[in-house]
């Protein structure tokens, strides 16, 4: 089985996290009664309200959280897939 590429997965998860953060900030602006501002302030160090500087900081931190997830996930996945000798999924069909 081909190992996962750390760079590709890292960039993918980083961008996913950054896009999700941006969508959540837009949600906060559109519906302030349902704002997640307190959550962002707890999870993202230095994030204080919706200001341009705080948004850029939150965007960078969100991206880095995604990269961190890849740094943990990809080596573990590759190691376990080698150790267990996992076979690729066949969609429930046997190929004898």
C-alpha atoms as a PDB file:
ATOM      1  CA  UNK A   1       0.000   0.000   0.000  1.00  0.00           C
ATOM      2  CA  UNK A   2       1.317   3.418  -0.946  1.00  0.00           C
ATOM      3  CA  UNK A   3       2.103   5.619   2.096  1.00  0.00           C
ATOM      4  CA  UNK A   4       0.302   8.912   2.621  1.00  0.00           C
ATOM      5  CA  UNK A   5       2.182  12.036   1.559  1.00  0.00           C
ATOM      6  CA  UNK A   6       2.743  14.277   4.601  1.00  0.00           C
ATOM      7  CA  UNK A   7       2.999  17.481   2.539  1.00  0.00           C
ATOM      8  CA  UNK A   8      -0.239  16.890   0.630  1.00  0.00           C
ATOM      9  CA  UNK A   9      -2.204  15.840   3.719  1.00  0.00           C
ATOM     10  CA  UNK A  10      -0.695  18.698   5.767  1.00  0.00           C
ATOM     11  CA  UNK A  11      -1.658  21.334   3.219  1.00  0.00           C
ATOM     12  CA  UNK A  12      -5.102  19.778   2.772  1.00  0.00           C
ATOM     13  CA  UNK A  13      -5.895  19.750   6.489  1.00  0.00           C
ATOM     14  CA  UNK A  14      -4.376  23.207   6.972  1.00  0.00           C
ATOM     15  CA  UNK A  15      -6.520  24.682   4.195  1.00  0.00           C
ATOM     16  CA  UNK A  16      -9.602  22.838   5.441  1.00  0.00           C
ATOM     17  CA  UNK A  17      -9.093  24.323   8.902  1.00  0.00           C
ATOM     18  CA  UNK A  18      -8.464  27.835   7.537  1.00  0.00           C
ATOM     19  CA  UNK A  19     -11.538  27.699   5.285  1.00  0.00           C
ATOM     20  CA  UNK A  20     -13.675  26.405   8.152  1.00  0.00           C
ATOM     21  CA  UNK A  21     -12.403  29.203  10.411  1.00  0.00           C
ATOM     22  CA  UNK A  22     -13.260  31.805   7.749  1.00  0.00           C
ATOM     23  CA  UNK A  23     -16.766  30.399   7.305  1.00  0.00           C
ATOM     24  CA  UNK A  24     -17.292  30.429  11.065  1.00  0.00           C
ATOM     25  CA  UNK A  25     -16.164  34.068  11.313  1.00  0.00           C
ATOM     26  CA  UNK A  26     -18.603  34.967   8.515  1.00  0.00           C
ATOM     27  CA  UNK A  27     -21.307  33.123  10.478  1.00  0.00           C
ATOM     28  CA  UNK A  28     -20.385  35.135  13.592  1.00  0.00           C
ATOM     29  CA  UNK A  29     -20.726  38.377  11.629  1.00  0.00           C
ATOM     30  CA  UNK A  30     -24.038  37.372  10.045  1.00  0.00           C
ATOM     31  CA  UNK A  31     -25.639  35.967  13.192  1.00  0.00           C
ATOM     32  CA  UNK A  32     -24.030  37.554  16.270  1.00  0.00           C
ATOM     33  CA  UNK A  33     -26.604  35.929  18.575  1.00  0.00           C
ATOM     34  CA  UNK A  34     -25.027  32.560  17.701  1.00  0.00           C
ATOM     35  CA  UNK A  35     -21.434  33.770  17.777  1.00  0.00           C
ATOM     36  CA  UNK A  36     -18.571  31.418  18.599  1.00  0.00           C
ATOM     37  CA  UNK A  37     -16.312  34.284  19.662  1.00  0.00           C
ATOM     38  CA  UNK A  38     -15.760  32.908  23.163  1.00  0.00           C
ATOM     39  CA  UNK A  39     -14.712  29.542  21.715  1.00  0.00           C
ATOM     40  CA  UNK A  40     -12.213  31.176  19.360  1.00  0.00           C
ATOM     41  CA  UNK A  41     -10.748  33.191  22.243  1.00  0.00           C
ATOM     42  CA  UNK A  42     -10.262  29.986  24.263  1.00  0.00           C
ATOM     43  CA  UNK A  43      -8.874  27.841  21.441  1.00  0.00           C
ATOM     44  CA  UNK A  44      -6.730  30.327  19.508  1.00  0.00           C
ATOM     45  CA  UNK A  45      -4.035  32.079  21.580  1.00  0.00           C
ATOM     46  CA  UNK A  46      -4.037  35.840  21.036  1.00  0.00           C
ATOM     47  CA  UNK A  47      -7.412  35.922  19.275  1.00  0.00           C
ATOM     48  CA  UNK A  48      -9.474  38.818  20.663  1.00  0.00           C
ATOM     49  CA  UNK A  49     -12.666  39.732  18.845  1.00  0.00           C
ATOM     50  CA  UNK A  50     -13.119  40.208  15.132  1.00  0.00           C
ATOM     51  CA  UNK A  51     -10.461  42.657  14.029  1.00  0.00           C
ATOM     52  CA  UNK A  52      -8.349  42.362  10.878  1.00  0.00           C
ATOM     53  CA  UNK A  53      -5.224  41.502  12.892  1.00  0.00           C
ATOM     54  CA  UNK A  54      -7.091  38.980  15.026  1.00  0.00           C
ATOM     55  CA  UNK A  55      -8.646  37.383  11.941  1.00  0.00           C
ATOM     56  CA  UNK A  56      -5.236  36.932  10.278  1.00  0.00           C
ATOM     57  CA  UNK A  57      -3.820  35.479  13.499  1.00  0.00           C
ATOM     58  CA  UNK A  58      -6.778  33.094  13.825  1.00  0.00           C
ATOM     59  CA  UNK A  59      -6.453  32.094  10.175  1.00  0.00           C
ATOM     60  CA  UNK A  60      -2.753  31.292  10.607  1.00  0.00           C
ATOM     61  CA  UNK A  61      -3.350  29.385  13.844  1.00  0.00           C
ATOM     62  CA  UNK A  62      -6.201  27.413  12.281  1.00  0.00           C
ATOM     63  CA  UNK A  63      -3.966  26.479   9.347  1.00  0.00           C
ATOM     64  CA  UNK A  64      -1.213  25.388  11.736  1.00  0.00           C
ATOM     65  CA  UNK A  65      -3.664  23.244  13.747  1.00  0.00           C
ATOM     66  CA  UNK A  66      -4.501  21.428  10.512  1.00  0.00           C
ATOM     67  CA  UNK A  67      -0.818  20.909   9.727  1.00  0.00           C
ATOM     68  CA  UNK A  68      -0.274  19.646  13.282  1.00  0.00           C
ATOM     69  CA  UNK A  69      -3.065  17.094  12.801  1.00  0.00           C
ATOM     70  CA  UNK A  70      -1.302  15.847   9.671  1.00  0.00           C
ATOM     71  CA  UNK A  71       2.059  15.702  11.469  1.00  0.00           C
ATOM     72  CA  UNK A  72       0.497  13.336  13.993  1.00  0.00           C
ATOM     73  CA  UNK A  73      -1.890  11.412  11.723  1.00  0.00           C
ATOM     74  CA  UNK A  74       0.243  10.650   8.647  1.00  0.00           C
ATOM     75  CA  UNK A  75       3.238   9.023  10.378  1.00  0.00           C
ATOM     76  CA  UNK A  76       0.898   6.998  12.612  1.00  0.00           C
ATOM     77  CA  UNK A  77      -1.180   5.874   9.638  1.00  0.00           C
ATOM     78  CA  UNK A  78       1.891   4.959   7.566  1.00  0.00           C
ATOM     79  CA  UNK A  79       3.484   3.093  10.458  1.00  0.00           C
ATOM     80  CA  UNK A  80       0.305   1.152  11.292  1.00  0.00           C
ATOM     81  CA  UNK A  81      -0.381   0.348   7.656  1.00  0.00           C
ATOM     82  CA  UNK A  82       3.129  -1.140   7.317  1.00  0.00           C
ATOM     83  CA  UNK A  83       2.913  -2.955  10.643  1.00  0.00           C
ATOM     84  CA  UNK A  84      -0.521  -4.454  10.130  1.00  0.00           C
ATOM     85  CA  UNK A  85       0.028  -5.049   6.450  1.00  0.00           C
ATOM     86  CA  UNK A  86      -3.294  -3.489   5.551  1.00  0.00           C
ATOM     87  CA  UNK A  87      -4.652  -4.314   2.127  1.00  0.00           C
ATOM     88  CA  UNK A  88      -6.438  -1.708   0.046  1.00  0.00           C
ATOM     89  CA  UNK A  89     -10.218  -1.755   0.283  1.00  0.00           C
ATOM     90  CA  UNK A  90     -11.924  -3.653  -2.521  1.00  0.00           C
ATOM     91  CA  UNK A  91     -15.445  -2.379  -1.965  1.00  0.00           C
ATOM     92  CA  UNK A  92     -16.580  -5.692  -0.508  1.00  0.00           C
ATOM     93  CA  UNK A  93     -15.672  -7.656  -3.650  1.00  0.00           C
ATOM     94  CA  UNK A  94     -13.214 -10.522  -3.525  1.00  0.00           C
ATOM     95  CA  UNK A  95     -10.485 -10.661  -6.127  1.00  0.00           C
ATOM     96  CA  UNK A  96      -9.104 -14.187  -6.103  1.00  0.00           C
END
